[in-house]
Amino acid sequence: MANAWNEIEKDAEFADLTLAQFKAKVKPSLDYRAEIASLELQLKAARFKRDQADQASNAECLLVVNAVKGHREHGENSALYKAMGYVPRDERRNGLVRASTQEQPLNKAA
């Protein structure tokens, strides 16, 4: 609005305001919008840095969990391994699904 006002009727008054008075009244809104835009850019940059750091951290995490899995006193069935968010070997399902050899009854709704 201010740009159009400035280009076409910069000396006119609207709502008993000059262009300079109008700009002064809307300045807080524009300032907050600029601050938000700056913060959004900072957040985007921080997320990128976090993702980069996570890649390095994940490599270290894998080394530690592999060391726990190979440790004589802990291993893949330990409480420590489970507490780290992994499923102990004895609690894993094997994924084997055997097909039924019996005929399945027909669905009555069909």
Foldseek 3Di string as FASTA:
>chain_A
DLVVCCVPPQQDDDPNDHSVRVCVVCVVVVVVVVVVVVVVVVVVVVVVVVVVVVVVVVVVVVVVLVVQQVDPVGHQQHPVNVVVPDDRPVRDDPPDDDDDPDDDDDDPVD
